[in-house]
Amino acid sequence: MDSVPSMTQTDPDSRDYPARPILCASAAVFRAGCVLLGARRNPPYDQIFSLPGGLVETGESLEAAALRELAEETGVIAQIVAFNGWREVIAHDEAGRVKRHYVIASFVARWLSGEGEAGEELSRLIWANELQARDLPLTDGLPALLASARVLIAKT
């Protein structure tokens, strides 16, 4: 009989069928009116553009995690200027079980240095203006996050 993942059988560090929601942080980094977007390299979000970001490590603040992930994934250095809200991503498998559950704290940041290079997790990295971003395949909820991020960066 095949083993079926359940809440009690999962590895606590697994991203698939997690024992609890996984905490992440991301940043909408702006430079000259453009925002930094990266297309993920691997499923389930391969070739879909998103904000640079990733898992929060134990003992790390949300802001520090967003800036660390930004630097690791892109080589870009930025300064956080505002909190842009949170996003929850819950995906179910064919049987209705929770396959993935992320809670993402999203920040707005101003670019300081680095042109940006796609790291091992990204297949492509671009600085997109508002019109360009509209034509890209984006993760669910990202257009609304970008709209509020643009308002916040304009206030700083």
Protein backbone atom coordinates (compact mmCIF):
# COMPACT_ATOMS: atom_id res chain seq x y z
CA MET A 1 0.00 0.00 0.00
CA ASP A 2 1.32 3.45 -0.93
CA SER A 3 2.19 5.84 1.84
CA VAL A 4 -0.13 8.84 1.94
CA PRO A 5 1.13 12.06 3.52
CA SER A 6 -0.84 13.24 6.53
CA MET A 7 -0.32 15.96 9.08
CA THR A 8 1.28 13.50 11.52
CA GLN A 9 3.57 11.85 8.96
CA THR A 10 5.25 14.92 7.50
CA ASP A 11 8.79 16.14 8.02
CA PRO A 12 8.48 19.40 10.00
CA ASP A 13 10.95 21.05 7.58
CA SER A 14 9.21 19.90 4.39
CA ARG A 15 7.60 22.48 2.13
CA ASP A 16 5.17 19.85 0.82
CA TYR A 17 2.52 18.77 3.32
CA PRO A 18 3.98 20.96 6.07
CA ALA A 19 3.10 20.33 9.69
CA ARG A 20 2.37 24.06 10.07
CA PRO A 21 2.31 27.19 7.88
CA ILE A 22 5.73 28.25 6.59
CA LEU A 23 6.76 31.84 7.35
CA CYS A 24 8.38 33.80 4.51
CA ALA A 25 9.35 37.40 3.78
CA SER A 26 9.64 39.29 0.50
CA ALA A 27 10.41 42.80 -0.73
CA ALA A 28 9.15 44.96 -3.57
CA VAL A 29 12.36 46.84 -4.41
CA PHE A 30 12.03 50.02 -6.44
CA ARG A 31 14.65 51.77 -8.55
CA ALA A 32 13.83 54.66 -10.89
CA GLY A 33 10.13 53.75 -10.97
CA CYS A 34 10.75 50.08 -11.72
CA VAL A 35 10.25 47.10 -9.42
CA LEU A 36 12.54 44.05 -9.24
CA LEU A 37 10.77 40.82 -10.23
CA GLY A 38 12.15 37.31 -10.55
CA ALA A 39 10.79 34.28 -12.39
CA ARG A 40 11.16 31.15 -10.30
CA ARG A 41 13.22 28.32 -11.77
CA ASN A 42 11.45 25.34 -10.15
CA PRO A 43 7.87 24.07 -9.84
CA PRO A 44 5.30 24.78 -8.73
CA TYR A 45 5.93 28.43 -9.64
CA ASP A 46 8.47 27.98 -12.45
CA GLN A 47 8.48 30.80 -15.00
CA ILE A 48 6.04 32.81 -12.86
CA PHE A 49 7.27 36.21 -11.72
CA SER A 50 7.26 37.07 -8.04
CA LEU A 51 9.01 39.33 -5.56
CA PRO A 52 12.40 38.17 -4.30
CA GLY A 53 11.98 36.48 -0.96
CA GLY A 54 12.01 33.24 0.96
CA LEU A 55 11.94 31.48 4.29
CA VAL A 56 12.48 33.27 7.59
CA GLU A 57 15.19 31.60 9.66
CA THR A 58 14.81 31.01 13.40
CA GLY A 59 15.87 34.11 15.33
CA GLU A 60 15.73 36.33 12.23
CA SER A 61 13.45 39.35 11.99
CA LEU A 62 11.05 39.55 9.06
CA GLU A 63 12.86 42.61 7.66
CA ALA A 64 16.26 40.93 7.97
CA ALA A 65 14.91 37.81 6.21
CA ALA A 66 13.52 39.88 3.32
CA LEU A 67 16.85 41.71 2.86
CA ARG A 68 18.92 38.51 3.18
CA GLU A 69 16.79 36.65 0.64
CA LEU A 70 16.95 39.65 -1.71
CA ALA A 71 20.76 39.68 -1.56
CA GLU A 72 21.05 35.88 -1.88
CA GLU A 73 18.64 35.58 -4.81
CA THR A 74 19.63 38.70 -6.76
CA GLY A 75 22.76 40.37 -5.37
CA VAL A 76 20.74 43.55 -4.81
CA ILE A 77 21.07 45.58 -1.61
CA ALA A 78 18.08 47.67 -0.49
CA GLN A 79 16.63 49.55 2.45
CA ILE A 80 13.19 48.64 3.81
CA VAL A 81 10.91 51.70 3.89
CA ALA A 82 7.51 50.20 4.75
CA PHE A 83 5.53 47.07 5.57
CA ASN A 84 3.21 46.22 2.67
CA GLY A 85 0.99 43.65 4.34
CA TRP A 86 0.91 39.89 4.29
CA ARG A 87 -0.19 37.27 1.82
CA GLU A 88 -1.27 33.73 2.50
CA VAL A 89 -0.78 30.97 -0.08
CA ILE A 90 -2.58 27.68 0.52
CA ALA A 91 -2.51 24.93 -2.11
CA HIS A 92 -4.41 21.64 -1.87
CA ASP A 93 -3.68 18.33 -3.58
CA GLU A 94 -6.20 16.26 -5.57
CA ALA A 95 -7.49 14.66 -2.36
CA GLY A 96 -8.09 18.04 -0.74
CA ARG A 97 -5.16 17.86 1.68
CA VAL A 98 -3.04 20.96 2.30
CA LYS A 99 0.03 20.47 0.12
CA ARG A 100 1.57 23.91 0.72
CA HIS A 101 0.85 26.73 3.15
CA TYR A 102 2.94 29.90 3.17
CA VAL A 103 2.42 33.12 5.12
CA ILE A 104 4.45 35.87 3.45
CA ALA A 105 5.28 39.21 5.07
CA SER A 106 5.78 41.70 2.26
CA PHE A 107 7.87 44.86 2.50
CA VAL A 108 8.61 47.85 0.27
CA ALA A 109 12.24 48.75 -0.21
CA ARG A 110 14.37 51.33 -1.97
CA TRP A 111 17.29 50.08 -4.09
CA LEU A 112 20.77 50.94 -2.81
CA SER A 113 23.16 48.91 -4.96
CA GLY A 114 23.57 45.95 -7.30
CA GLU A 115 22.21 45.55 -10.80
CA GLY A 116 20.57 42.23 -10.01
CA GLU A 117 21.50 38.79 -11.26
CA ALA A 118 19.28 35.73 -11.19
CA GLY A 119 20.59 33.34 -8.54
CA GLU A 120 20.11 29.58 -8.46
CA GLU A 121 16.40 29.83 -7.54
CA LEU A 122 15.52 32.25 -10.36
CA SER A 123 15.54 31.71 -14.12
CA ARG A 124 15.11 35.39 -14.98
CA LEU A 125 15.31 38.73 -13.23
CA ILE A 126 13.96 42.05 -14.52
CA TRP A 127 13.38 45.63 -13.43
CA ALA A 128 9.81 46.18 -14.65
CA ASN A 129 7.85 49.38 -14.91
CA GLU A 130 4.12 49.33 -14.15
CA LEU A 131 3.09 48.59 -17.76
CA GLN A 132 5.68 45.81 -18.23
CA ALA A 133 4.62 44.13 -14.98
CA ARG A 134 1.01 43.95 -16.20
CA ASP A 135 2.06 41.79 -19.15
CA LEU A 136 4.05 39.26 -17.11
CA PRO A 137 2.79 35.99 -15.61
CA LEU A 138 2.61 36.94 -11.91
CA THR A 139 1.92 34.96 -8.75
CA ASP A 140 -1.63 35.24 -7.42
CA GLY A 141 -2.19 38.44 -5.50
CA LEU A 142 1.01 40.12 -6.74
CA PRO A 143 -0.71 42.85 -8.82
CA ALA A 144 -2.49 44.14 -5.68
CA LEU A 145 0.75 44.00 -3.64
CA LEU A 146 2.58 45.94 -6.36
CA ALA A 147 -0.15 48.57 -6.50
CA SER A 148 -0.01 49.19 -2.75
CA ALA A 149 3.82 49.08 -2.82
CA ARG A 150 3.86 51.85 -5.44
CA VAL A 151 1.69 54.02 -3.20
CA LEU A 152 3.95 53.38 -0.19
CA ILE A 153 7.23 54.06 -2.04
CA ALA A 154 5.79 57.32 -3.40
CA LYS A 155 5.14 58.50 0.18
CA THR A 156 8.77 58.03 1.27
